[in-house]
Amino acid sequence: MSFFSFCGMNCMKIKKDQVLSPSEMSAKSNQPVDGVVKSSSEDKEVANSTGSQQISAQTFTFPELLAATNNFKADCFLGEGGFGKVYKGWLETSKQVVAIKQLDLDGLQGNREFLVEVLMLSLLHHPNLVNLIGYCADGDQRLLVYEYMQLGSLDDHLLDLSPEKEPLSWNTRMKIAAGAAKGIEYLHVKASPPVIFRDLKCSNILLGEGYHPKLSDFGLAKLAPVGDNTHVSTRVMGTYGYCAPEYAMTGQLTVKSDIYSFGVVLLEIISGRRAIDNSRRAGEQNLVAWARPLFKDRRKFSQMVDPMLRGEYPVRGLYQALAVAAMCVQEQPSMRPLMPDVVTALTFLASQAYTPQTQPAQSATSTPNK
């Protein structure tokens, strides 16, 4: 069975000490979860649209991954998310440093998301998507093995920086934004059938050498509507502050939902502010709500720039980046751009290198030359 044919299927019961392949896992995933059951007609439509693609991810035993992380030693701990804890590991057989995510059995995500992650990343390949090396479905254990991204997440370099950490330059920010946009463009336009990421945020953009960005965490991804279908009806999932308003209210998911989330991320990249920050004063806690009135007055654009940039940014480049962000977070989905247009704009901005030594730093009231 094709991977995509069961991306939306439900969790399964697995006997202890039983190691399963993705196809075996999918065959057991027929029980309803949270009252949501995918219709057989939809499954058949998805299966027919993708054909019989094979899963290429390696399978690991739990003892192998125990050895790789030195029994999940605290020194190997990298972070924690909805799926569970992430550890740095060493695969002796391939002499490779990896990142290993271990499913928290009591966490927010479960077997369903584990399946989607394994299968999505086994068949979707792009320079701006994280590489899945393999997985473990050994007994009750559920683990994912990825390439190791040595610079961590965008969140680590952008938000709530410690005093000793160097802030990202304007050039690096635009490079990251353009790369993340290319990853989403691949999912929306070049993957067949197209895929909605559904959980785009700074912590799901990982950075490799040279701050090369890759999208990670595909557990909530869904197939985009095809043919005459205008949307996918699904449970509202994702992260508060990044969800498109129409999706949050109706559960109707489209590729334009990802565009909105990308606009929020782009605002975070420009401003250094979190999508939701309850430590800020009233009126500034929701990033999009705070930015919307500022979009209407060019004289206030400089107020949206991360102060950590210390004025080292091109004014015209700022205006163009904010214009892209403003279009992406439009209330009406039909008013948002398509991802190829966003990629074109941000790729251009990333190519326009700003040199602080030859271009003056901007003050809070700077305006572009006519």
Foldseek 3Di string as FASTA:
>chain_A
DALQLQLPFAFFDDAAQDWDDLVVRSVRRQDDDPPDHDDPVVSVVRCVQPDHDDFDADEDEPVQVCQFQVNVDPVQWDQADQQGTKGWGARPVVRAIKIKGKGDCPGDDDPSLLSNQRNVLRPDDDQQAWHWRHWYPGGPITMTITHDAVVAWQCQQQAPDDPVHQHDAPLLLLQQLLSNLVQLCCQPPVDGQHKAQLADARNQWGAHPPRRTHGDRSSPMHGADDDPDDFDADPRDYDPLQFQPVCVVGSTHHNLRVLQSSLLRLLCSFQSDHCADPVDDPLPRHPVSVCVVVLVDLQQLLVSGHCSNVQQDDSVLSNLSNVLSNQSNDNDSVSHDDSVVVSVSSVVSSVPDGDCVVDPGDDSRDDDDD
